[in-house]
Amino acid sequence: MNVIKTMFFFVAVTLLPTIVGASEQEIVRGTVLSRSEFPLAPSGVMTSWVSLSLAQEPNATHMNLYVIYLSDKQDLPEVGRFCVFRVHRERVAGAVGREWTTVLDARVVDSFECK
């Protein structure tokens, strides 16, 4: 029983920033300039992320977007593709690529469509 309580605690602590800190969705359009390496482990008790560097249309300002990393088989935007992203802002913490980091006001991808 203590194992279940401990696992629930870790899951709740990991998901709490996502649940509490999420903002309303916004639309972001742009070309994917680069993508971080995949984290060593997919999301589980700790959240793992892939970072996308984006040249936002129409004025080509650069921004980073973050996608929760679930598996090396998940659908992710390819470098050089023009995509439309639905994002929200929240705190990102954990493995981003092969680095550990915290981004307080990150744009997190909810969905995307590439041309």
PDB file of N, CA and C in Angstrom:
ATOM      1  N   MET A   1       0.820  -1.203   0.000  1.00  0.00           N
ATOM      2  CA  MET A   1       0.000   0.000   0.000  1.00  0.00           C
ATOM      3  C   MET A   1       0.862   1.264   0.000  1.00  0.00           C
ATOM      4  N   ASN A   2       1.986   1.247   0.734  1.00  0.00           N
ATOM      5  CA  ASN A   2       2.858   2.417   0.757  1.00  0.00           C
ATOM      6  C   ASN A   2       3.459   2.697  -0.607  1.00  0.00           C
ATOM      7  N   VAL A   3       3.716   1.627  -1.392  1.00  0.00           N
ATOM      8  CA  VAL A   3       4.253   1.815  -2.739  1.00  0.00           C
ATOM      9  C   VAL A   3       3.251   2.569  -3.597  1.00  0.00           C
ATOM     10  N   ILE A   4       1.976   2.222  -3.502  1.00  0.00           N
ATOM     11  CA  ILE A   4       0.933   2.910  -4.271  1.00  0.00           C
ATOM     12  C   ILE A   4       0.837   4.370  -3.851  1.00  0.00           C
ATOM     13  N   LYS A   5       0.877   4.639  -2.558  1.00  0.00           N
ATOM     14  CA  LYS A   5       0.827   6.021  -2.082  1.00  0.00           C
ATOM     15  C   LYS A   5       2.030   6.812  -2.577  1.00  0.00           C
ATOM     16  N   THR A   6       3.210   6.191  -2.530  1.00  0.00           N
ATOM     17  CA  THR A   6       4.424   6.864  -2.987  1.00  0.00           C
ATOM     18  C   THR A   6       4.344   7.159  -4.480  1.00  0.00           C
ATOM     19  N   MET A   7       3.898   6.180  -5.271  1.00  0.00           N
ATOM     20  CA  MET A   7       3.771   6.396  -6.713  1.00  0.00           C
ATOM     21  C   MET A   7       2.766   7.498  -7.004  1.00  0.00           C
ATOM     22  N   PHE A   8       1.627   7.509  -6.299  1.00  0.00           N
ATOM     23  CA  PHE A   8       0.628   8.554  -6.485  1.00  0.00           C
ATOM     24  C   PHE A   8       1.227   9.921  -6.173  1.00  0.00           C
ATOM     25  N   PHE A   9       2.010  10.005  -5.102  1.00  0.00           N
ATOM     26  CA  PHE A   9       2.643  11.268  -4.730  1.00  0.00           C
ATOM     27  C   PHE A   9       3.548  11.769  -5.846  1.00  0.00           C
ATOM     28  N   PHE A  10       4.413  10.890  -6.386  1.00  0.00           N
ATOM     29  CA  PHE A  10       5.331  11.293  -7.449  1.00  0.00           C
ATOM     30  C   PHE A  10       4.579  11.722  -8.704  1.00  0.00           C
ATOM     31  N   VAL A  11       3.545  10.987  -9.069  1.00  0.00           N
ATOM     32  CA  VAL A  11       2.758  11.350 -10.246  1.00  0.00           C
ATOM     33  C   VAL A  11       2.068  12.692 -10.016  1.00  0.00           C
ATOM     34  N   ALA A  12       1.488  12.883  -8.840  1.00  0.00           N
ATOM     35  CA  ALA A  12       0.796  14.144  -8.533  1.00  0.00           C
ATOM     36  C   ALA A  12       1.763  15.315  -8.550  1.00  0.00           C
ATOM     37  N   VAL A  13       2.956  15.150  -7.980  1.00  0.00           N
ATOM     38  CA  VAL A  13       3.939  16.227  -7.951  1.00  0.00           C
ATOM     39  C   VAL A  13       4.424  16.541  -9.362  1.00  0.00           C
ATOM     40  N   THR A  14       4.597  15.505 -10.191  1.00  0.00           N
ATOM     41  CA  THR A  14       5.049  15.715 -11.562  1.00  0.00           C
ATOM     42  C   THR A  14       3.992  16.418 -12.394  1.00  0.00           C
ATOM     43  N   LEU A  15       2.734  16.048 -12.239  1.00  0.00           N
ATOM     44  CA  LEU A  15       1.665  16.606 -13.069  1.00  0.00           C
ATOM     45  C   LEU A  15       1.105  17.922 -12.545  1.00  0.00           C
ATOM     46  N   LEU A  16       1.323  18.237 -11.280  1.00  0.00           N
ATOM     47  CA  LEU A  16       0.741  19.436 -10.688  1.00  0.00           C
ATOM     48  C   LEU A  16       1.075  20.708 -11.457  1.00  0.00           C
ATOM     49  N   PRO A  17       2.348  20.952 -11.838  1.00  0.00           N
ATOM     50  CA  PRO A  17       2.612  22.181 -12.605  1.00  0.00           C
ATOM     51  C   PRO A  17       1.855  22.206 -13.924  1.00  0.00           C
ATOM     52  N   THR A  18       1.670  21.057 -14.535  1.00  0.00           N
ATOM     53  CA  THR A  18       0.947  20.984 -15.797  1.00  0.00           C
ATOM     54  C   THR A  18      -0.516  21.328 -15.592  1.00  0.00           C
ATOM     55  N   ILE A  19      -1.108  20.800 -14.553  1.00  0.00           N
ATOM     56  CA  ILE A  19      -2.538  21.008 -14.303  1.00  0.00           C
ATOM     57  C   ILE A  19      -2.801  22.428 -13.816  1.00  0.00           C
ATOM     58  N   VAL A  20      -1.995  22.901 -12.871  1.00  0.00           N
ATOM     59  CA  VAL A  20      -2.236  24.198 -12.250  1.00  0.00           C
ATOM     60  C   VAL A  20      -1.771  25.353 -13.124  1.00  0.00           C
ATOM     61  N   GLY A  21      -0.608  25.209 -13.801  1.00  0.00           N
ATOM     62  CA  GLY A  21       0.008  26.337 -14.472  1.00  0.00           C
ATOM     63  C   GLY A  21      -0.365  26.537 -15.923  1.00  0.00           C
ATOM     64  N   ALA A  22      -1.204  25.703 -16.467  1.00  0.00           N
ATOM     65  CA  ALA A  22      -1.507  25.800 -17.890  1.00  0.00           C
ATOM     66  C   ALA A  22      -2.337  27.041 -18.191  1.00  0.00           C
ATOM     67  N   SER A  23      -2.055  27.646 -19.338  1.00  0.00           N
ATOM     68  CA  SER A  23      -2.792  28.833 -19.764  1.00  0.00           C
ATOM     69  C   SER A  23      -3.709  28.466 -20.927  1.00  0.00           C
ATOM     70  N   GLU A  24      -4.395  29.467 -21.459  1.00  0.00           N
ATOM     71  CA  GLU A  24      -5.254  29.239 -22.623  1.00  0.00           C
ATOM     72  C   GLU A  24      -4.394  28.948 -23.849  1.00  0.00           C
ATOM     73  N   GLN A  25      -4.986  28.260 -24.810  1.00  0.00           N
ATOM     74  CA  GLN A  25      -4.268  27.920 -26.043  1.00  0.00           C
ATOM     75  C   GLN A  25      -4.053  29.138 -26.927  1.00  0.00           C
ATOM     76  N   GLU A  26      -2.947  29.119 -27.657  1.00  0.00           N
ATOM     77  CA  GLU A  26      -2.685  30.109 -28.692  1.00  0.00           C
ATOM     78  C   GLU A  26      -2.162  29.365 -29.918  1.00  0.00           C
ATOM     79  N   ILE A  27      -2.234  30.010 -31.075  1.00  0.00           N
ATOM     80  CA  ILE A  27      -1.765  29.430 -32.324  1.00  0.00           C
ATOM     81  C   ILE A  27      -0.410  30.042 -32.668  1.00  0.00           C
ATOM     82  N   VAL A  28       0.557  29.201 -33.013  1.00  0.00           N
ATOM     83  CA  VAL A  28       1.885  29.644 -33.419  1.00  0.00           C
ATOM     84  C   VAL A  28       2.188  28.996 -34.760  1.00  0.00           C
ATOM     85  N   ARG A  29       2.633  29.809 -35.726  1.00  0.00           N
ATOM     86  CA  ARG A  29       2.986  29.307 -37.061  1.00  0.00           C
ATOM     87  C   ARG A  29       4.462  29.568 -37.302  1.00  0.00           C
ATOM     88  N   GLY A  30       5.144  28.590 -37.901  1.00  0.00           N
ATOM     89  CA  GLY A  30       6.546  28.826 -38.211  1.00  0.00           C
ATOM     90  C   GLY A  30       7.247  27.601 -38.746  1.00  0.00           C
ATOM     91  N   THR A  31       8.507  27.793 -39.091  1.00  0.00           N
ATOM     92  CA  THR A  31       9.351  26.743 -39.641  1.00  0.00           C
ATOM     93  C   THR A  31      10.256  26.207 -38.544  1.00  0.00           C
ATOM     94  N   VAL A  32      10.314  24.895 -38.423  1.00  0.00           N
ATOM     95  CA  VAL A  32      11.154  24.252 -37.410  1.00  0.00           C
ATOM     96  C   VAL A  32      12.613  24.380 -37.852  1.00  0.00           C
ATOM     97  N   LEU A  33      13.419  25.068 -37.041  1.00  0.00           N
ATOM     98  CA  LEU A  33      14.832  25.271 -37.353  1.00  0.00           C
ATOM     99  C   LEU A  33      15.705  24.145 -36.817  1.00  0.00           C
ATOM    100  N   SER A  34      15.371  23.648 -35.625  1.00  0.00           N
ATOM    101  CA  SER A  34      16.141  22.561 -35.027  1.00  0.00           C
ATOM    102  C   SER A  34      15.286  21.855 -33.985  1.00  0.00           C
ATOM    103  N   ARG A  35      15.753  20.671 -33.608  1.00  0.00           N
ATOM    104  CA  ARG A  35      15.064  19.859 -32.601  1.00  0.00           C
ATOM    105  C   ARG A  35      16.131  19.298 -31.675  1.00  0.00           C
ATOM    106  N   SER A  36      15.880  19.329 -30.372  1.00  0.00           N
ATOM    107  CA  SER A  36      16.855  18.805 -29.420  1.00  0.00           C
ATOM    108  C   SER A  36      16.988  17.294 -29.574  1.00  0.00           C
ATOM    109  N   GLU A  37      18.022  16.753 -28.966  1.00  0.00           N
ATOM    110  CA  GLU A  37      18.154  15.304 -28.913  1.00  0.00           C
ATOM    111  C   GLU A  37      16.993  14.740 -28.112  1.00  0.00           C
ATOM    112  N   PHE A  38      16.710  13.463 -28.313  1.00  0.00           N
ATOM    113  CA  PHE A  38      15.714  12.813 -27.476  1.00  0.00           C
ATOM    114  C   PHE A  38      16.312  12.606 -26.088  1.00  0.00           C
ATOM    115  N   PRO A  39      15.511  12.777 -25.038  1.00  0.00           N
ATOM    116  CA  PRO A  39      15.994  12.462 -23.693  1.00  0.00           C
ATOM    117  C   PRO A  39      16.360  10.979 -23.607  1.00  0.00           C
ATOM    118  N   LEU A  40      17.165  10.633 -22.610  1.00  0.00           N
ATOM    119  CA  LEU A  40      17.570   9.236 -22.442  1.00  0.00           C
ATOM    120  C   LEU A  40      16.408   8.332 -22.074  1.00  0.00           C
ATOM    121  N   ALA A  41      15.413   8.886 -21.392  1.00  0.00           N
ATOM    122  CA  ALA A  41      14.251   8.087 -20.990  1.00  0.00           C
ATOM    123  C   ALA A  41      12.977   8.849 -21.319  1.00  0.00           C
ATOM    124  N   PRO A  42      11.910   8.133 -21.714  1.00  0.00           N
ATOM    125  CA  PRO A  42      10.634   8.799 -21.971  1.00  0.00           C
ATOM    126  C   PRO A  42       9.999   9.275 -20.663  1.00  0.00           C
ATOM    127  N   SER A  43       8.955  10.070 -20.796  1.00  0.00           N
ATOM    128  CA  SER A  43       8.235  10.549 -19.619  1.00  0.00           C
ATOM    129  C   SER A  43       7.663   9.374 -18.839  1.00  0.00           C
ATOM    130  N   GLY A  44       7.660   9.529 -17.544  1.00  0.00           N
ATOM    131  CA  GLY A  44       7.120   8.520 -16.628  1.00  0.00           C
ATOM    132  C   GLY A  44       6.886   9.215 -15.316  1.00  0.00           C
ATOM    133  N   VAL A  45       7.681   8.858 -14.301  1.00  0.00           N
ATOM    134  CA  VAL A  45       7.596   9.551 -13.014  1.00  0.00           C
ATOM    135  C   VAL A  45       8.067  10.994 -13.191  1.00  0.00           C
ATOM    136  N   MET A  46       9.133  11.187 -13.968  1.00  0.00           N
ATOM    137  CA  MET A  46       9.612  12.528 -14.307  1.00  0.00           C
ATOM    138  C   MET A  46       9.188  12.834 -15.748  1.00  0.00           C
ATOM    139  N   THR A  47       8.963  14.086 -16.044  1.00  0.00           N
ATOM    140  CA  THR A  47       8.572  14.472 -17.390  1.00  0.00           C
ATOM    141  C   THR A  47       9.817  14.746 -18.219  1.00  0.00           C
ATOM    142  N   SER A  48       9.844  14.183 -19.425  1.00  0.00           N
ATOM    143  CA  SER A  48      10.927  14.425 -20.382  1.00  0.00           C
ATOM    144  C   SER A  48      10.364  15.233 -21.546  1.00  0.00           C
ATOM    145  N   TRP A  49      11.204  16.102 -22.120  1.00  0.00           N
ATOM    146  CA  TRP A  49      10.751  17.032 -23.153  1.00  0.00           C
ATOM    147  C   TRP A  49      11.691  17.034 -24.345  1.00  0.00           C
ATOM    148  N   VAL A  50      11.149  17.343 -25.512  1.00  0.00           N
ATOM    149  CA  VAL A  50      11.928  17.654 -26.704  1.00  0.00           C
ATOM    150  C   VAL A  50      11.697  19.134 -26.981  1.00  0.00           C
ATOM    151  N   SER A  51      12.787  19.851 -27.230  1.00  0.00           N
ATOM    152  CA  SER A  51      12.702  21.278 -27.524  1.00  0.00           C
ATOM    153  C   SER A  51      12.761  21.497 -29.027  1.00  0.00           C
ATOM    154  N   LEU A  52      11.901  22.376 -29.527  1.00  0.00           N
ATOM    155  CA  LEU A  52      11.898  22.758 -30.936  1.00  0.00           C
ATOM    156  C   LEU A  52      12.253  24.236 -31.038  1.00  0.00           C
ATOM    157  N   SER A  53      13.205  24.572 -31.891  1.00  0.00           N
ATOM    158  CA  SER A  53      13.517  25.965 -32.182  1.00  0.00           C
ATOM    159  C   SER A  53      12.741  26.329 -33.438  1.00  0.00           C
ATOM    160  N   LEU A  54      12.023  27.435 -33.377  1.00  0.00           N
ATOM    161  CA  LEU A  54      11.076  27.783 -34.428  1.00  0.00           C
ATOM    162  C   LEU A  54      11.319  29.206 -34.913  1.00  0.00           C
ATOM    163  N   ALA A  55      11.252  29.415 -36.235  1.00  0.00           N
ATOM    164  CA  ALA A  55      11.232  30.763 -36.814  1.00  0.00           C
ATOM    165  C   ALA A  55       9.766  31.077 -37.058  1.00  0.00           C
ATOM    166  N   GLN A  56       9.214  31.954 -36.226  1.00  0.00           N
ATOM    167  CA  GLN A  56       7.783  32.246 -36.263  1.00  0.00           C
ATOM    168  C   GLN A  56       7.446  33.153 -37.428  1.00  0.00           C
ATOM    169  N   GLU A  57       6.366  32.837 -38.124  1.00  0.00           N
ATOM    170  CA  GLU A  57       5.859  33.666 -39.216  1.00  0.00           C
ATOM    171  C   GLU A  57       5.009  34.785 -38.636  1.00  0.00           C
ATOM    172  N   PRO A  58       4.862  35.923 -39.226  1.00  0.00           N
ATOM    173  CA  PRO A  58       5.426  36.364 -40.496  1.00  0.00           C
ATOM    174  C   PRO A  58       6.764  37.084 -40.342  1.00  0.00           C
ATOM    175  N   ASN A  59       7.192  37.420 -39.120  1.00  0.00           N
ATOM    176  CA  ASN A  59       8.384  38.256 -38.962  1.00  0.00           C
ATOM    177  C   ASN A  59       9.643  37.473 -38.608  1.00  0.00           C
ATOM    178  N   ALA A  60       9.591  36.156 -38.629  1.00  0.00           N
ATOM    179  CA  ALA A  60      10.746  35.273 -38.428  1.00  0.00           C
ATOM    180  C   ALA A  60      11.422  35.431 -37.060  1.00  0.00           C
ATOM    181  N   THR A  61      10.682  35.840 -36.035  1.00  0.00           N
ATOM    182  CA  THR A  61      11.253  35.841 -34.694  1.00  0.00           C
ATOM    183  C   THR A  61      11.433  34.399 -34.245  1.00  0.00           C
ATOM    184  N   HIS A  62      12.484  34.157 -33.476  1.00  0.00           N
ATOM    185  CA  HIS A  62      12.779  32.806 -33.002  1.00  0.00           C
ATOM    186  C   HIS A  62      12.155  32.572 -31.642  1.00  0.00           C
ATOM    187  N   MET A  63      11.665  31.359 -31.443  1.00  0.00           N
ATOM    188  CA  MET A  63      11.126  30.960 -30.142  1.00  0.00           C
ATOM    189  C   MET A  63      11.343  29.473 -29.957  1.00  0.00           C
ATOM    190  N   ASN A  64      11.291  29.033 -28.726  1.00  0.00           N
ATOM    191  CA  ASN A  64      11.377  27.611 -28.417  1.00  0.00           C
ATOM    192  C   ASN A  64      10.008  27.098 -28.012  1.00  0.00           C
ATOM    193  N   LEU A  65       9.694  25.910 -28.495  1.00  0.00           N
ATOM    194  CA  LEU A  65       8.486  25.191 -28.099  1.00  0.00           C
ATOM    195  C   LEU A  65       8.927  23.892 -27.455  1.00  0.00           C
ATOM    196  N   TYR A  66       8.079  23.335 -26.604  1.00  0.00           N
ATOM    197  CA  TYR A  66       8.416  22.108 -25.896  1.00  0.00           C
ATOM    198  C   TYR A  66       7.316  21.070 -26.107  1.00  0.00           C
ATOM    199  N   VAL A  67       7.742  19.826 -26.356  1.00  0.00           N
ATOM    200  CA  VAL A  67       6.826  18.709 -26.575  1.00  0.00           C
ATOM    201  C   VAL A  67       7.160  17.633 -25.548  1.00  0.00           C
ATOM    202  N   ILE A  68       6.146  17.103 -24.854  1.00  0.00           N
ATOM    203  CA  ILE A  68       6.399  16.002 -23.928  1.00  0.00           C
ATOM    204  C   ILE A  68       6.901  14.806 -24.723  1.00  0.00           C
ATOM    205  N   TYR A  69       8.011  14.224 -24.262  1.00  0.00           N
ATOM    206  CA  TYR A  69       8.625  13.088 -24.944  1.00  0.00           C
ATOM    207  C   TYR A  69       8.079  11.792 -24.360  1.00  0.00           C
ATOM    208  N   LEU A  70       7.402  11.012 -25.215  1.00  0.00           N
ATOM    209  CA  LEU A  70       6.809   9.752 -24.783  1.00  0.00           C
ATOM    210  C   LEU A  70       7.561   8.544 -25.320  1.00  0.00           C
ATOM    211  N   SER A  71       8.086   8.642 -26.545  1.00  0.00           N
ATOM    212  CA  SER A  71       8.772   7.506 -27.154  1.00  0.00           C
ATOM    213  C   SER A  71       9.501   7.963 -28.399  1.00  0.00           C
ATOM    214  N   ASP A  72      10.515   7.195 -28.819  1.00  0.00           N
ATOM    215  CA  ASP A  72      11.230   7.557 -30.040  1.00  0.00           C
ATOM    216  C   ASP A  72      10.389   7.285 -31.284  1.00  0.00           C
ATOM    217  N   LYS A  73       9.203   6.721 -31.106  1.00  0.00           N
ATOM    218  CA  LYS A  73       8.300   6.451 -32.231  1.00  0.00           C
ATOM    219  C   LYS A  73       7.182   7.500 -32.358  1.00  0.00           C
ATOM    220  N   GLN A  74       7.150   8.481 -31.442  1.00  0.00           N
ATOM    221  CA  GLN A  74       6.077   9.470 -31.515  1.00  0.00           C
ATOM    222  C   GLN A  74       6.283  10.427 -32.687  1.00  0.00           C
ATOM    223  N   ASP A  75       5.194  10.972 -33.159  1.00  0.00           N
ATOM    224  CA  ASP A  75       5.202  11.911 -34.282  1.00  0.00           C
ATOM    225  C   ASP A  75       5.695  13.266 -33.786  1.00  0.00           C
ATOM    226  N   LEU A  76       6.814  13.736 -34.352  1.00  0.00           N
ATOM    227  CA  LEU A  76       7.365  15.046 -34.022  1.00  0.00           C
ATOM    228  C   LEU A  76       7.639  15.807 -35.315  1.00  0.00           C
ATOM    229  N   PRO A  77       7.534  17.133 -35.299  1.00  0.00           N
ATOM    230  CA  PRO A  77       7.813  17.910 -36.504  1.00  0.00           C
ATOM    231  C   PRO A  77       9.263  17.732 -36.952  1.00  0.00           C
ATOM    232  N   GLU A  78       9.461  17.640 -38.252  1.00  0.00           N
ATOM    233  CA  GLU A  78      10.804  17.506 -38.802  1.00  0.00           C
ATOM    234  C   GLU A  78      11.418  18.885 -39.030  1.00  0.00           C
ATOM    235  N   VAL A  79      12.726  18.959 -38.924  1.00  0.00           N
ATOM    236  CA  VAL A  79      13.455  20.203 -39.174  1.00  0.00           C
ATOM    237  C   VAL A  79      13.219  20.626 -40.622  1.00  0.00           C
ATOM    238  N   GLY A  80      12.942  21.911 -40.808  1.00  0.00           N
ATOM    239  CA  GLY A  80      12.709  22.470 -42.137  1.00  0.00           C
ATOM    240  C   GLY A  80      11.252  22.533 -42.546  1.00  0.00           C
ATOM    241  N   ARG A  81      10.362  21.895 -41.779  1.00  0.00           N
ATOM    242  CA  ARG A  81       8.944  21.884 -42.119  1.00  0.00           C
ATOM    243  C   ARG A  81       8.248  23.120 -41.561  1.00  0.00           C
ATOM    244  N   PHE A  82       7.276  23.635 -42.311  1.00  0.00           N
ATOM    245  CA  PHE A  82       6.409  24.716 -41.830  1.00  0.00           C
ATOM    246  C   PHE A  82       5.241  24.058 -41.104  1.00  0.00           C
ATOM    247  N   CYS A  83       4.980  24.480 -39.881  1.00  0.00           N
ATOM    248  CA  CYS A  83       3.943  23.841 -39.071  1.00  0.00           C
ATOM    249  C   CYS A  83       3.079  24.888 -38.373  1.00  0.00           C
ATOM    250  N   VAL A  84       1.876  24.482 -38.051  1.00  0.00           N
ATOM    251  CA  VAL A  84       0.972  25.279 -37.231  1.00  0.00           C
ATOM    252  C   VAL A  84       0.812  24.521 -35.915  1.00  0.00           C
ATOM    253  N   PHE A  85       1.114  25.207 -34.806  1.00  0.00           N
ATOM    254  CA  PHE A  85       1.097  24.593 -33.482  1.00  0.00           C
ATOM    255  C   PHE A  85      -0.005  25.207 -32.632  1.00  0.00           C
ATOM    256  N   ARG A  86      -0.681  24.394 -31.869  1.00  0.00           N
ATOM    257  CA  ARG A  86      -1.556  24.869 -30.786  1.00  0.00           C
ATOM    258  C   ARG A  86      -0.742  24.686 -29.507  1.00  0.00           C
ATOM    259  N   VAL A  87      -0.526  25.785 -28.796  1.00  0.00           N
ATOM    260  CA  VAL A  87       0.335  25.747 -27.616  1.00  0.00           C
ATOM    261  C   VAL A  87      -0.356  26.416 -26.431  1.00  0.00           C
ATOM    262  N   HIS A  88       0.145  26.141 -25.274  1.00  0.00           N
ATOM    263  CA  HIS A  88      -0.237  26.869 -24.063  1.00  0.00           C
ATOM    264  C   HIS A  88       1.048  27.126 -23.282  1.00  0.00           C
ATOM    265  N   ARG A  89       0.981  28.025 -22.330  1.00  0.00           N
ATOM    266  CA  ARG A  89       2.158  28.347 -21.509  1.00  0.00           C
ATOM    267  C   ARG A  89       2.047  27.654 -20.157  1.00  0.00           C
ATOM    268  N   GLU A  90       3.189  27.117 -19.738  1.00  0.00           N
ATOM    269  CA  GLU A  90       3.280  26.495 -18.422  1.00  0.00           C
ATOM    270  C   GLU A  90       4.742  26.377 -18.032  1.00  0.00           C
ATOM    271  N   ARG A  91       4.974  25.972 -16.819  1.00  0.00           N
ATOM    272  CA  ARG A  91       6.326  25.717 -16.322  1.00  0.00           C
ATOM    273  C   ARG A  91       6.779  24.351 -16.842  1.00  0.00           C
ATOM    274  N   VAL A  92       7.977  24.304 -17.421  1.00  0.00           N
ATOM    275  CA  VAL A  92       8.571  23.056 -17.909  1.00  0.00           C
ATOM    276  C   VAL A  92       9.764  22.752 -17.021  1.00  0.00           C
ATOM    277  N   ALA A  93       9.824  21.540 -16.490  1.00  0.00           N
ATOM    278  CA  ALA A  93      10.957  21.120 -15.667  1.00  0.00           C
ATOM    279  C   ALA A  93      11.236  19.653 -15.938  1.00  0.00           C
ATOM    280  N   GLY A  94      12.501  19.309 -15.962  1.00  0.00           N
ATOM    281  CA  GLY A  94      12.900  17.923 -16.183  1.00  0.00           C
ATOM    282  C   GLY A  94      13.952  17.845 -17.262  1.00  0.00           C
ATOM    283  N   ALA A  95      14.019  16.700 -17.916  1.00  0.00           N
ATOM    284  CA  ALA A  95      14.996  16.489 -18.982  1.00  0.00           C
ATOM    285  C   ALA A  95      14.475  17.132 -20.263  1.00  0.00           C
ATOM    286  N   VAL A  96      15.230  18.089 -20.784  1.00  0.00           N
ATOM    287  CA  VAL A  96      14.936  18.687 -22.084  1.00  0.00           C
ATOM    288  C   VAL A  96      16.099  18.276 -22.972  1.00  0.00           C
ATOM    289  N   GLY A  97      15.825  17.361 -23.901  1.00  0.00           N
ATOM    290  CA  GLY A  97      16.922  16.746 -24.632  1.00  0.00           C
ATOM    291  C   GLY A  97      17.769  15.959 -23.651  1.00  0.00           C
ATOM    292  N   ARG A  98      19.054  16.230 -23.614  1.00  0.00           N
ATOM    293  CA  ARG A  98      19.959  15.530 -22.694  1.00  0.00           C
ATOM    294  C   ARG A  98      20.361  16.404 -21.504  1.00  0.00           C
ATOM    295  N   GLU A  99      19.673  17.537 -21.315  1.00  0.00           N
ATOM    296  CA  GLU A  99      19.974  18.472 -20.233  1.00  0.00           C
ATOM    297  C   GLU A  99      18.823  18.504 -19.229  1.00  0.00           C
ATOM    298  N   TRP A 100      19.112  18.836 -17.988  1.00  0.00           N
ATOM    299  CA  TRP A 100      18.082  19.077 -16.976  1.00  0.00           C
ATOM    300  C   TRP A 100      17.888  20.572 -16.873  1.00  0.00           C
ATOM    301  N   THR A 101      16.639  21.018 -16.937  1.00  0.00           N
ATOM    302  CA  THR A 101      16.394  22.456 -16.918  1.00  0.00           C
ATOM    303  C   THR A 101      14.997  22.760 -16.399  1.00  0.00           C
ATOM    304  N   THR A 102      14.771  24.025 -16.129  1.00  0.00           N
ATOM    305  CA  THR A 102      13.450  24.542 -15.774  1.00  0.00           C
ATOM    306  C   THR A 102      13.214  25.807 -16.585  1.00  0.00           C
ATOM    307  N   VAL A 103      12.074  25.879 -17.247  1.00  0.00           N
ATOM    308  CA  VAL A 103      11.667  27.067 -17.994  1.00  0.00           C
ATOM    309  C   VAL A 103      10.342  27.511 -17.389  1.00  0.00           C
ATOM    310  N   LEU A 104      10.312  28.706 -16.825  1.00  0.00           N
ATOM    311  CA  LEU A 104       9.136  29.131 -16.067  1.00  0.00           C
ATOM    312  C   LEU A 104       7.925  29.436 -16.927  1.00  0.00           C
ATOM    313  N   ASP A 105       8.108  29.999 -18.104  1.00  0.00           N
ATOM    314  CA  ASP A 105       6.983  30.408 -18.936  1.00  0.00           C
ATOM    315  C   ASP A 105       7.162  29.833 -20.345  1.00  0.00           C
ATOM    316  N   ALA A 106       7.150  28.512 -20.446  1.00  0.00           N
ATOM    317  CA  ALA A 106       7.418  27.834 -21.714  1.00  0.00           C
ATOM    318  C   ALA A 106       6.146  27.687 -22.536  1.00  0.00           C
ATOM    319  N   ARG A 107       6.327  27.645 -23.843  1.00  0.00           N
ATOM    320  CA  ARG A 107       5.216  27.334 -24.753  1.00  0.00           C
ATOM    321  C   ARG A 107       5.244  25.830 -24.997  1.00  0.00           C
ATOM    322  N   VAL A 108       4.198  25.144 -24.564  1.00  0.00           N
ATOM    323  CA  VAL A 108       4.107  23.691 -24.663  1.00  0.00           C
ATOM    324  C   VAL A 108       3.123  23.330 -25.765  1.00  0.00           C
ATOM    325  N   VAL A 109       3.537  22.422 -26.649  1.00  0.00           N
ATOM    326  CA  VAL A 109       2.735  22.024 -27.794  1.00  0.00           C
ATOM    327  C   VAL A 109       1.628  21.080 -27.373  1.00  0.00           C
ATOM    328  N   ASP A 110       0.388  21.440 -27.723  1.00  0.00           N
ATOM    329  CA  ASP A 110      -0.770  20.565 -27.513  1.00  0.00           C
ATOM    330  C   ASP A 110      -1.027  19.718 -28.752  1.00  0.00           C
ATOM    331  N   SER A 111      -0.870  20.331 -29.917  1.00  0.00           N
ATOM    332  CA  SER A 111      -1.049  19.624 -31.182  1.00  0.00           C
ATOM    333  C   SER A 111      -0.344  20.418 -32.272  1.00  0.00           C
ATOM    334  N   PHE A 112      -0.104  19.766 -33.415  1.00  0.00           N
ATOM    335  CA  PHE A 112       0.540  20.461 -34.525  1.00  0.00           C
ATOM    336  C   PHE A 112       0.141  19.788 -35.824  1.00  0.00           C
ATOM    337  N   GLU A 113       0.270  20.578 -36.907  1.00  0.00           N
ATOM    338  CA  GLU A 113       0.037  20.081 -38.257  1.00  0.00           C
ATOM    339  C   GLU A 113       1.094  20.714 -39.147  1.00  0.00           C
ATOM    340  N   CYS A 114       1.821  19.881 -39.893  1.00  0.00           N
ATOM    341  CA  CYS A 114       2.899  20.382 -40.759  1.00  0.00           C
ATOM    342  C   CYS A 114       2.506  20.205 -42.231  1.00  0.00           C
ATOM    343  N   LYS A 115       3.012  21.130 -43.054  1.00  0.00           N
ATOM    344  CA  LYS A 115       2.748  21.070 -44.498  1.00  0.00           C
ATOM    345  C   LYS A 115       3.938  20.496 -45.213  1.00  0.00           C
TER     346      LYS A 115
END
